[in-house]
Amino acid sequence: MNMSADVEKDTNGRDVIFERASVRAFTDAPVSDEQARLLLRAAMAAPSAGNQQPWEFYVVRDPQMLAKLAGCSPYAKPTAKAPCCIVPCLRTQGLRFPGCASQDMGACVENILLEATRLGLGAVWQAIYPEPERMQAAREVLGLGDGLEAFCLIAIGTPASEVHAKGADRYDESRVSWVDGERA
């Protein structure tokens, strides 16, 4: 399949993959309950090892809580000014394949980011897991119980500018090795 820059926009999802960008500045427009549910529905559609679905979610819109979450990592400042933050949490107990849980969580987070783009929202993934001090800080802010670890913070809102809402083509042929017998 030839993927040139002049390929027509499709309606099957490829556009959101290439338009997704890390957005760190937002307007004051709220993220509605319906938008949050669509983001969570997308998250829970992610694949997971043995269908273990190791996730639980906190949807935070309280400005004071957002400010506290922003202090959980030196890279989480956008959370303080976002109208919404989704905190995907990793269940650590009762998993069939615990070694795959972080991969499952990564797929779930990517689905949120892509759905945010589809909805015309911006979002940025801010790592918490596996940094112990960040995980502890998020645990304290959210009051997480045993068996639940904050995986990341996803600040979400309407992008403050169009410039922040454009993705980049990062394809790099030098990072690809073809193993099909025809190019060897």
N, C-alpha and C. Protein backbone atom coordinates (compact mmCIF):
# COMPACT_ATOMS: atom_id res chain seq x y z
N MET A 1 0.84 -1.17 0.00
CA MET A 1 0.00 0.00 0.00
C MET A 1 0.89 1.24 0.00
N ASN A 2 0.70 2.11 -0.97
CA ASN A 2 1.47 3.34 -1.07
C ASN A 2 0.83 4.42 -0.22
N MET A 3 1.57 4.95 0.77
CA MET A 3 1.02 5.98 1.66
C MET A 3 1.72 7.29 1.39
N SER A 4 1.34 7.97 0.32
CA SER A 4 1.94 9.26 0.02
C SER A 4 1.23 10.36 0.79
N ALA A 5 1.84 11.53 0.82
CA ALA A 5 1.29 12.66 1.57
C ALA A 5 -0.03 13.13 1.00
N ASP A 6 -0.28 12.83 -0.28
CA ASP A 6 -1.51 13.33 -0.89
C ASP A 6 -2.65 12.31 -0.86
N VAL A 7 -2.52 11.28 -0.03
CA VAL A 7 -3.59 10.30 0.12
C VAL A 7 -4.83 11.01 0.68
N GLU A 8 -5.97 10.71 0.10
CA GLU A 8 -7.21 11.32 0.58
C GLU A 8 -7.46 10.95 2.04
N LYS A 9 -8.12 11.85 2.75
CA LYS A 9 -8.49 11.55 4.13
C LYS A 9 -9.44 10.36 4.12
N ASP A 10 -9.19 9.43 5.01
CA ASP A 10 -10.10 8.30 5.12
C ASP A 10 -10.98 8.47 6.34
N THR A 11 -11.99 7.66 6.42
CA THR A 11 -12.92 7.73 7.55
C THR A 11 -12.80 6.52 8.45
N ASN A 12 -11.75 5.74 8.27
CA ASN A 12 -11.60 4.51 9.03
C ASN A 12 -10.59 4.59 10.15
N GLY A 13 -10.10 5.75 10.49
CA GLY A 13 -9.22 5.85 11.65
C GLY A 13 -7.79 6.25 11.36
N ARG A 14 -7.33 6.08 10.12
CA ARG A 14 -5.94 6.42 9.84
C ARG A 14 -5.67 7.90 10.10
N ASP A 15 -6.64 8.78 9.81
CA ASP A 15 -6.44 10.20 10.03
C ASP A 15 -6.12 10.51 11.49
N VAL A 16 -6.84 9.92 12.43
CA VAL A 16 -6.58 10.23 13.83
C VAL A 16 -5.20 9.76 14.26
N ILE A 17 -4.72 8.69 13.68
CA ILE A 17 -3.38 8.21 14.02
C ILE A 17 -2.35 9.26 13.63
N PHE A 18 -2.48 9.82 12.43
CA PHE A 18 -1.49 10.77 11.95
C PHE A 18 -1.74 12.21 12.39
N GLU A 19 -2.93 12.49 12.89
CA GLU A 19 -3.22 13.83 13.39
C GLU A 19 -2.99 13.96 14.89
N ARG A 20 -2.88 12.85 15.60
CA ARG A 20 -2.68 12.89 17.04
C ARG A 20 -1.38 13.61 17.36
N ALA A 21 -1.47 14.48 18.35
CA ALA A 21 -0.29 15.21 18.82
C ALA A 21 -0.39 15.35 20.33
N SER A 22 0.73 15.56 20.97
CA SER A 22 0.72 15.82 22.41
C SER A 22 0.37 17.29 22.63
N VAL A 23 -0.80 17.52 23.18
CA VAL A 23 -1.30 18.88 23.40
C VAL A 23 -1.14 19.21 24.87
N ARG A 24 -0.46 20.33 25.15
CA ARG A 24 -0.15 20.71 26.53
C ARG A 24 -0.81 22.02 26.96
N ALA A 25 -1.54 22.65 26.07
CA ALA A 25 -2.21 23.91 26.40
C ALA A 25 -3.66 23.81 25.94
N PHE A 26 -4.57 24.19 26.83
CA PHE A 26 -5.99 23.99 26.59
C PHE A 26 -6.79 25.26 26.82
N THR A 27 -7.97 25.33 26.19
CA THR A 27 -8.91 26.40 26.49
C THR A 27 -9.63 26.04 27.80
N ASP A 28 -10.51 26.91 28.23
CA ASP A 28 -11.29 26.64 29.45
C ASP A 28 -12.52 25.78 29.18
N ALA A 29 -12.78 25.42 27.92
CA ALA A 29 -13.97 24.63 27.59
C ALA A 29 -13.92 23.30 28.34
N PRO A 30 -15.03 22.93 28.97
CA PRO A 30 -15.04 21.68 29.73
C PRO A 30 -15.06 20.45 28.82
N VAL A 31 -14.65 19.33 29.38
CA VAL A 31 -14.81 18.02 28.75
C VAL A 31 -16.11 17.46 29.34
N SER A 32 -17.07 17.21 28.46
CA SER A 32 -18.39 16.78 28.93
C SER A 32 -18.36 15.34 29.45
N ASP A 33 -19.39 14.99 30.20
CA ASP A 33 -19.54 13.61 30.66
C ASP A 33 -19.57 12.66 29.47
N GLU A 34 -20.29 13.04 28.41
CA GLU A 34 -20.40 12.18 27.23
C GLU A 34 -19.04 12.00 26.57
N GLN A 35 -18.25 13.07 26.45
CA GLN A 35 -16.91 12.94 25.88
C GLN A 35 -16.04 12.04 26.76
N ALA A 36 -16.11 12.22 28.07
CA ALA A 36 -15.32 11.38 28.98
C ALA A 36 -15.72 9.91 28.84
N ARG A 37 -17.01 9.65 28.72
CA ARG A 37 -17.45 8.26 28.55
C ARG A 37 -16.96 7.66 27.23
N LEU A 38 -16.95 8.45 26.16
CA LEU A 38 -16.43 7.96 24.89
C LEU A 38 -14.94 7.66 24.99
N LEU A 39 -14.19 8.49 25.70
CA LEU A 39 -12.77 8.25 25.92
C LEU A 39 -12.56 6.95 26.70
N LEU A 40 -13.37 6.75 27.72
CA LEU A 40 -13.24 5.55 28.55
C LEU A 40 -13.69 4.29 27.79
N ARG A 41 -14.71 4.43 26.97
CA ARG A 41 -15.17 3.31 26.15
C ARG A 41 -14.04 2.88 25.20
N ALA A 42 -13.36 3.87 24.61
CA ALA A 42 -12.23 3.57 23.73
C ALA A 42 -11.12 2.88 24.51
N ALA A 43 -10.84 3.38 25.70
CA ALA A 43 -9.79 2.79 26.54
C ALA A 43 -10.07 1.32 26.81
N MET A 44 -11.31 1.03 27.17
CA MET A 44 -11.67 -0.33 27.55
C MET A 44 -11.83 -1.26 26.36
N ALA A 45 -11.73 -0.71 25.15
CA ALA A 45 -11.76 -1.54 23.94
C ALA A 45 -10.36 -2.05 23.58
N ALA A 46 -9.36 -1.62 24.32
CA ALA A 46 -7.97 -2.01 24.03
C ALA A 46 -7.78 -3.51 24.24
N PRO A 47 -6.85 -4.08 23.48
CA PRO A 47 -6.51 -5.48 23.72
C PRO A 47 -5.76 -5.63 25.03
N SER A 48 -5.87 -6.79 25.63
CA SER A 48 -5.11 -7.08 26.84
C SER A 48 -4.81 -8.58 26.88
N ALA A 49 -3.69 -8.93 27.48
CA ALA A 49 -3.26 -10.33 27.55
C ALA A 49 -4.32 -11.16 28.26
N GLY A 50 -4.77 -12.20 27.59
CA GLY A 50 -5.77 -13.08 28.19
C GLY A 50 -7.05 -12.34 28.55
N ASN A 51 -7.30 -11.20 27.92
CA ASN A 51 -8.47 -10.36 28.21
C ASN A 51 -8.54 -9.99 29.69
N GLN A 52 -7.36 -9.76 30.31
CA GLN A 52 -7.34 -9.49 31.75
C GLN A 52 -7.81 -8.08 32.11
N GLN A 53 -7.79 -7.16 31.16
CA GLN A 53 -8.30 -5.81 31.39
C GLN A 53 -7.85 -5.26 32.75
N PRO A 54 -6.56 -4.97 32.91
CA PRO A 54 -6.02 -4.60 34.22
C PRO A 54 -6.25 -3.15 34.62
N TRP A 55 -7.26 -2.51 34.10
CA TRP A 55 -7.41 -1.07 34.28
C TRP A 55 -8.61 -0.66 35.10
N GLU A 56 -8.43 0.44 35.77
CA GLU A 56 -9.51 1.22 36.39
C GLU A 56 -9.17 2.67 36.12
N PHE A 57 -10.14 3.55 36.18
CA PHE A 57 -9.92 4.93 35.76
C PHE A 57 -10.47 5.93 36.77
N TYR A 58 -9.75 7.01 36.94
CA TYR A 58 -10.22 8.16 37.70
C TYR A 58 -10.36 9.31 36.72
N VAL A 59 -11.54 9.93 36.69
CA VAL A 59 -11.78 11.11 35.85
C VAL A 59 -11.79 12.30 36.80
N VAL A 60 -10.81 13.17 36.65
CA VAL A 60 -10.62 14.29 37.58
C VAL A 60 -10.91 15.60 36.85
N ARG A 61 -11.84 16.38 37.40
CA ARG A 61 -12.15 17.69 36.83
C ARG A 61 -12.10 18.80 37.88
N ASP A 62 -11.90 18.44 39.12
CA ASP A 62 -11.81 19.41 40.19
C ASP A 62 -10.48 20.17 40.08
N PRO A 63 -10.50 21.50 39.97
CA PRO A 63 -9.25 22.27 39.78
C PRO A 63 -8.21 22.04 40.88
N GLN A 64 -8.64 21.88 42.11
CA GLN A 64 -7.67 21.65 43.19
C GLN A 64 -7.00 20.28 43.05
N MET A 65 -7.77 19.28 42.68
CA MET A 65 -7.20 17.94 42.47
C MET A 65 -6.28 17.93 41.25
N LEU A 66 -6.67 18.66 40.20
CA LEU A 66 -5.82 18.75 39.01
C LEU A 66 -4.48 19.38 39.37
N ALA A 67 -4.50 20.41 40.20
CA ALA A 67 -3.25 21.06 40.62
C ALA A 67 -2.39 20.10 41.44
N LYS A 68 -3.02 19.32 42.31
CA LYS A 68 -2.26 18.35 43.10
C LYS A 68 -1.65 17.26 42.21
N LEU A 69 -2.42 16.78 41.23
CA LEU A 69 -1.90 15.77 40.32
C LEU A 69 -0.72 16.31 39.51
N ALA A 70 -0.79 17.58 39.15
CA ALA A 70 0.30 18.21 38.39
C ALA A 70 1.62 18.18 39.17
N GLY A 71 1.54 18.09 40.49
CA GLY A 71 2.74 18.02 41.31
C GLY A 71 3.31 16.62 41.46
N CYS A 72 2.69 15.64 40.85
CA CYS A 72 3.15 14.25 40.98
C CYS A 72 4.36 13.93 40.11
N SER A 73 4.63 14.78 39.15
CA SER A 73 5.76 14.57 38.24
C SER A 73 6.24 15.93 37.74
N PRO A 74 7.53 16.06 37.52
CA PRO A 74 8.03 17.33 36.97
C PRO A 74 7.52 17.60 35.55
N TYR A 75 6.95 16.59 34.92
CA TYR A 75 6.48 16.72 33.54
C TYR A 75 4.95 16.81 33.45
N ALA A 76 4.28 16.94 34.58
CA ALA A 76 2.82 16.91 34.61
C ALA A 76 2.19 18.29 34.71
N LYS A 77 2.93 19.33 34.45
CA LYS A 77 2.39 20.70 34.59
C LYS A 77 1.12 20.94 33.76
N PRO A 78 0.98 20.38 32.54
CA PRO A 78 -0.24 20.63 31.78
C PRO A 78 -1.52 20.22 32.50
N THR A 79 -1.41 19.28 33.42
CA THR A 79 -2.59 18.81 34.14
C THR A 79 -3.24 19.93 34.95
N ALA A 80 -2.44 20.82 35.50
CA ALA A 80 -2.97 21.90 36.34
C ALA A 80 -3.89 22.84 35.57
N LYS A 81 -3.68 22.97 34.26
CA LYS A 81 -4.47 23.90 33.46
C LYS A 81 -5.44 23.21 32.52
N ALA A 82 -5.52 21.90 32.62
CA ALA A 82 -6.46 21.14 31.79
C ALA A 82 -7.83 21.10 32.45
N PRO A 83 -8.89 21.07 31.67
CA PRO A 83 -10.22 20.95 32.27
C PRO A 83 -10.52 19.54 32.78
N CYS A 84 -9.72 18.56 32.33
CA CYS A 84 -9.98 17.17 32.71
C CYS A 84 -8.67 16.39 32.68
N CYS A 85 -8.57 15.43 33.57
CA CYS A 85 -7.46 14.49 33.55
C CYS A 85 -8.03 13.10 33.81
N ILE A 86 -7.69 12.18 32.92
CA ILE A 86 -8.03 10.79 33.16
C ILE A 86 -6.77 10.12 33.69
N VAL A 87 -6.92 9.41 34.80
CA VAL A 87 -5.81 8.69 35.40
C VAL A 87 -6.10 7.19 35.27
N PRO A 88 -5.49 6.55 34.26
CA PRO A 88 -5.62 5.10 34.17
C PRO A 88 -4.79 4.45 35.29
N CYS A 89 -5.41 3.55 36.01
CA CYS A 89 -4.73 2.86 37.11
C CYS A 89 -4.62 1.38 36.80
N LEU A 90 -3.48 0.83 37.17
CA LEU A 90 -3.16 -0.57 36.93
C LEU A 90 -3.53 -1.40 38.16
N ARG A 91 -4.42 -2.38 37.94
CA ARG A 91 -4.71 -3.33 39.01
C ARG A 91 -3.54 -4.29 39.11
N THR A 92 -3.06 -4.52 40.30
CA THR A 92 -1.87 -5.37 40.48
C THR A 92 -2.21 -6.73 41.06
N GLN A 93 -3.46 -6.98 41.36
CA GLN A 93 -3.85 -8.26 41.95
C GLN A 93 -4.84 -8.99 41.05
N GLY A 94 -4.77 -10.32 41.07
CA GLY A 94 -5.73 -11.14 40.34
C GLY A 94 -5.55 -11.14 38.84
N LEU A 95 -4.35 -10.82 38.37
CA LEU A 95 -4.10 -10.80 36.93
C LEU A 95 -3.60 -12.16 36.45
N ARG A 96 -4.06 -12.59 35.29
CA ARG A 96 -3.61 -13.86 34.72
C ARG A 96 -2.19 -13.74 34.18
N PHE A 97 -1.86 -12.57 33.62
CA PHE A 97 -0.55 -12.35 33.01
C PHE A 97 0.02 -11.02 33.50
N PRO A 98 0.46 -10.96 34.74
CA PRO A 98 0.91 -9.68 35.30
C PRO A 98 2.08 -9.06 34.54
N GLY A 99 2.94 -9.87 33.93
CA GLY A 99 4.07 -9.34 33.18
C GLY A 99 3.65 -8.57 31.93
N CYS A 100 2.44 -8.76 31.49
CA CYS A 100 1.93 -8.07 30.30
C CYS A 100 1.06 -6.86 30.63
N ALA A 101 0.81 -6.63 31.90
CA ALA A 101 -0.14 -5.58 32.30
C ALA A 101 0.27 -4.19 31.84
N SER A 102 1.57 -3.87 31.88
CA SER A 102 1.97 -2.53 31.44
C SER A 102 1.78 -2.36 29.94
N GLN A 103 1.93 -3.44 29.18
CA GLN A 103 1.64 -3.38 27.74
C GLN A 103 0.16 -3.14 27.52
N ASP A 104 -0.67 -3.83 28.27
CA ASP A 104 -2.12 -3.65 28.18
C ASP A 104 -2.48 -2.20 28.47
N MET A 105 -1.84 -1.63 29.50
CA MET A 105 -2.13 -0.25 29.88
C MET A 105 -1.70 0.72 28.78
N GLY A 106 -0.56 0.44 28.14
CA GLY A 106 -0.11 1.29 27.05
C GLY A 106 -1.11 1.32 25.90
N ALA A 107 -1.67 0.16 25.58
CA ALA A 107 -2.67 0.09 24.51
C ALA A 107 -3.91 0.88 24.90
N CYS A 108 -4.31 0.76 26.13
CA CYS A 108 -5.49 1.47 26.63
C CYS A 108 -5.28 2.98 26.57
N VAL A 109 -4.09 3.44 26.96
CA VAL A 109 -3.80 4.88 26.93
C VAL A 109 -3.79 5.39 25.50
N GLU A 110 -3.17 4.65 24.59
CA GLU A 110 -3.15 5.08 23.19
C GLU A 110 -4.56 5.21 22.65
N ASN A 111 -5.45 4.30 23.01
CA ASN A 111 -6.84 4.41 22.57
C ASN A 111 -7.49 5.70 23.06
N ILE A 112 -7.19 6.10 24.28
CA ILE A 112 -7.73 7.37 24.80
C ILE A 112 -7.20 8.52 23.96
N LEU A 113 -5.90 8.52 23.68
CA LEU A 113 -5.30 9.61 22.91
C LEU A 113 -5.90 9.70 21.51
N LEU A 114 -6.12 8.56 20.88
CA LEU A 114 -6.70 8.56 19.54
C LEU A 114 -8.16 9.01 19.56
N GLU A 115 -8.91 8.56 20.54
CA GLU A 115 -10.31 8.98 20.64
C GLU A 115 -10.41 10.47 20.94
N ALA A 116 -9.50 10.99 21.75
CA ALA A 116 -9.49 12.43 22.01
C ALA A 116 -9.32 13.19 20.70
N THR A 117 -8.41 12.74 19.86
CA THR A 117 -8.19 13.38 18.56
C THR A 117 -9.46 13.30 17.72
N ARG A 118 -10.08 12.14 17.69
CA ARG A 118 -11.31 11.97 16.91
C ARG A 118 -12.41 12.91 17.37
N LEU A 119 -12.46 13.17 18.67
CA LEU A 119 -13.48 14.04 19.24
C LEU A 119 -13.13 15.53 19.11
N GLY A 120 -11.97 15.83 18.55
CA GLY A 120 -11.56 17.23 18.42
C GLY A 120 -10.93 17.77 19.69
N LEU A 121 -10.56 16.88 20.60
CA LEU A 121 -9.90 17.27 21.84
C LEU A 121 -8.40 17.09 21.69
N GLY A 122 -7.66 17.68 22.61
CA GLY A 122 -6.22 17.46 22.67
C GLY A 122 -5.91 16.72 23.96
N ALA A 123 -4.80 16.02 23.98
CA ALA A 123 -4.42 15.27 25.18
C ALA A 123 -2.91 15.06 25.19
N VAL A 124 -2.40 14.84 26.39
CA VAL A 124 -0.98 14.51 26.53
C VAL A 124 -0.81 13.43 27.60
N TRP A 125 -0.01 12.44 27.28
CA TRP A 125 0.33 11.33 28.17
C TRP A 125 1.49 11.77 29.04
N GLN A 126 1.31 11.72 30.36
CA GLN A 126 2.35 12.12 31.31
C GLN A 126 2.64 10.92 32.21
N ALA A 127 3.84 10.39 32.08
CA ALA A 127 4.20 9.13 32.74
C ALA A 127 4.22 9.25 34.26
N ILE A 128 3.70 8.24 34.90
CA ILE A 128 3.78 8.06 36.35
C ILE A 128 4.49 6.73 36.63
N TYR A 129 3.96 5.64 36.09
CA TYR A 129 4.52 4.30 36.21
C TYR A 129 5.73 4.20 35.30
N PRO A 130 6.81 3.59 35.67
CA PRO A 130 7.12 2.81 36.86
C PRO A 130 7.95 3.57 37.90
N GLU A 131 7.88 4.89 37.89
CA GLU A 131 8.68 5.70 38.81
C GLU A 131 8.08 5.67 40.23
N PRO A 132 8.74 5.05 41.21
CA PRO A 132 8.15 4.87 42.54
C PRO A 132 7.70 6.16 43.21
N GLU A 133 8.49 7.24 43.10
CA GLU A 133 8.10 8.48 43.77
C GLU A 133 6.87 9.11 43.12
N ARG A 134 6.76 9.00 41.81
CA ARG A 134 5.57 9.53 41.12
C ARG A 134 4.34 8.69 41.45
N MET A 135 4.53 7.37 41.48
CA MET A 135 3.42 6.48 41.80
C MET A 135 2.91 6.75 43.21
N GLN A 136 3.83 6.96 44.15
CA GLN A 136 3.43 7.24 45.53
C GLN A 136 2.71 8.58 45.64
N ALA A 137 3.20 9.57 44.92
CA ALA A 137 2.56 10.89 44.95
C ALA A 137 1.12 10.80 44.41
N ALA A 138 0.94 10.10 43.29
CA ALA A 138 -0.40 9.94 42.72
C ALA A 138 -1.30 9.12 43.64
N ARG A 139 -0.72 8.09 44.28
CA ARG A 139 -1.47 7.27 45.24
C ARG A 139 -2.04 8.15 46.34
N GLU A 140 -1.21 9.04 46.86
CA GLU A 140 -1.64 9.91 47.96
C GLU A 140 -2.69 10.91 47.50
N VAL A 141 -2.51 11.51 46.33
CA VAL A 141 -3.48 12.49 45.83
C VAL A 141 -4.83 11.83 45.61
N LEU A 142 -4.84 10.65 45.00
CA LEU A 142 -6.10 9.99 44.66
C LEU A 142 -6.64 9.10 45.78
N GLY A 143 -5.81 8.83 46.78
CA GLY A 143 -6.24 7.94 47.86
C GLY A 143 -6.40 6.51 47.38
N LEU A 144 -5.49 6.06 46.53
CA LEU A 144 -5.59 4.70 45.99
C LEU A 144 -5.34 3.66 47.07
N GLY A 145 -6.11 2.61 47.03
CA GLY A 145 -5.93 1.51 47.96
C GLY A 145 -4.92 0.51 47.45
N ASP A 146 -4.70 -0.54 48.23
CA ASP A 146 -3.80 -1.61 47.82
C ASP A 146 -4.31 -2.24 46.54
N GLY A 147 -3.38 -2.69 45.71
CA GLY A 147 -3.75 -3.38 44.49
C GLY A 147 -4.05 -2.46 43.32
N LEU A 148 -3.79 -1.17 43.46
CA LEU A 148 -4.06 -0.21 42.39
C LEU A 148 -2.91 0.78 42.32
N GLU A 149 -2.34 0.95 41.13
CA GLU A 149 -1.23 1.88 40.92
C GLU A 149 -1.58 2.84 39.80
N ALA A 150 -1.33 4.13 39.99
CA ALA A 150 -1.52 5.09 38.91
C ALA A 150 -0.51 4.77 37.81
N PHE A 151 -0.98 4.69 36.57
CA PHE A 151 -0.12 4.38 35.43
C PHE A 151 0.39 5.65 34.76
N CYS A 152 -0.50 6.61 34.57
CA CYS A 152 -0.12 7.87 33.96
C CYS A 152 -1.22 8.89 34.20
N LEU A 153 -0.94 10.11 33.82
CA LEU A 153 -1.95 11.17 33.81
C LEU A 153 -2.18 11.52 32.35
N ILE A 154 -3.43 11.69 31.97
CA ILE A 154 -3.73 12.15 30.62
C ILE A 154 -4.52 13.44 30.75
N ALA A 155 -3.83 14.57 30.53
CA ALA A 155 -4.49 15.87 30.54
C ALA A 155 -5.26 16.00 29.23
N ILE A 156 -6.53 16.43 29.32
CA ILE A 156 -7.41 16.45 28.17
C ILE A 156 -8.21 17.75 28.14
N GLY A 157 -8.38 18.29 26.95
CA GLY A 157 -9.21 19.47 26.77
C GLY A 157 -9.21 19.91 25.32
N THR A 158 -9.84 21.04 25.07
CA THR A 158 -9.82 21.63 23.73
C THR A 158 -8.47 22.30 23.53
N PRO A 159 -7.76 21.98 22.45
CA PRO A 159 -6.44 22.59 22.23
C PRO A 159 -6.53 24.12 22.21
N ALA A 160 -5.57 24.78 22.83
CA ALA A 160 -5.55 26.24 22.90
C ALA A 160 -5.24 26.86 21.54
N SER A 161 -4.55 26.13 20.66
CA SER A 161 -4.27 26.65 19.33
C SER A 161 -4.20 25.51 18.34
N GLU A 162 -4.44 25.86 17.09
CA GLU A 162 -4.39 24.87 16.01
C GLU A 162 -2.99 24.29 15.86
N VAL A 163 -1.98 25.08 16.13
CA VAL A 163 -0.59 24.62 16.00
C VAL A 163 -0.34 23.43 16.90
N HIS A 164 -0.92 23.44 18.10
CA HIS A 164 -0.71 22.35 19.04
C HIS A 164 -1.49 21.09 18.68
N ALA A 165 -2.39 21.21 17.73
CA ALA A 165 -3.26 20.08 17.43
C ALA A 165 -2.85 19.32 16.17
N LYS A 166 -1.67 19.56 15.64
CA LYS A 166 -1.23 18.88 14.43
C LYS A 166 -0.17 17.84 14.76
N GLY A 167 -0.36 16.64 14.28
CA GLY A 167 0.61 15.58 14.47
C GLY A 167 1.76 15.71 13.48
N ALA A 168 2.71 14.85 13.60
CA ALA A 168 3.87 14.86 12.71
C ALA A 168 4.06 13.47 12.11
N ASP A 169 4.54 13.43 10.87
CA ASP A 169 4.86 12.16 10.23
C ASP A 169 6.26 11.78 10.70
N ARG A 170 6.36 10.73 11.49
CA ARG A 170 7.64 10.33 12.07
C ARG A 170 8.22 9.07 11.42
N TYR A 171 7.68 8.70 10.26
CA TYR A 171 8.18 7.50 9.60
C TYR A 171 9.65 7.68 9.27
N ASP A 172 10.46 6.67 9.64
CA ASP A 172 11.90 6.71 9.42
C ASP A 172 12.32 5.35 8.87
N GLU A 173 12.56 5.30 7.57
CA GLU A 173 12.91 4.04 6.90
C GLU A 173 14.17 3.42 7.50
N SER A 174 15.07 4.23 8.08
CA SER A 174 16.31 3.67 8.64
C SER A 174 16.04 2.82 9.88
N ARG A 175 14.85 2.87 10.42
CA ARG A 175 14.50 2.07 11.59
C ARG A 175 13.72 0.81 11.21
N VAL A 176 13.69 0.50 9.93
CA VAL A 176 12.92 -0.65 9.45
C VAL A 176 13.86 -1.65 8.80
N SER A 177 13.74 -2.91 9.20
CA SER A 177 14.46 -4.01 8.55
C SER A 177 13.40 -4.90 7.92
N TRP A 178 13.49 -5.07 6.62
CA TRP A 178 12.55 -5.92 5.90
C TRP A 178 13.07 -7.35 5.91
N VAL A 179 12.28 -8.28 6.41
CA VAL A 179 12.67 -9.68 6.46
C VAL A 179 11.60 -10.48 5.71
N ASP A 180 11.63 -10.33 4.39
CA ASP A 180 10.62 -11.03 3.60
C ASP A 180 11.22 -11.84 2.46
N GLY A 181 12.55 -11.92 2.41
CA GLY A 181 13.20 -12.71 1.41
C GLY A 181 13.38 -12.01 0.07
N GLU A 182 12.64 -10.95 -0.16
CA GLU A 182 12.72 -10.26 -1.44
C GLU A 182 13.77 -9.15 -1.44
N ARG A 183 14.12 -8.62 -0.28
CA ARG A 183 15.01 -7.46 -0.21
C ARG A 183 16.39 -7.82 0.39
N ALA A 184 16.60 -9.07 0.76
CA ALA A 184 17.83 -9.45 1.44
C ALA A 184 19.06 -9.37 0.57
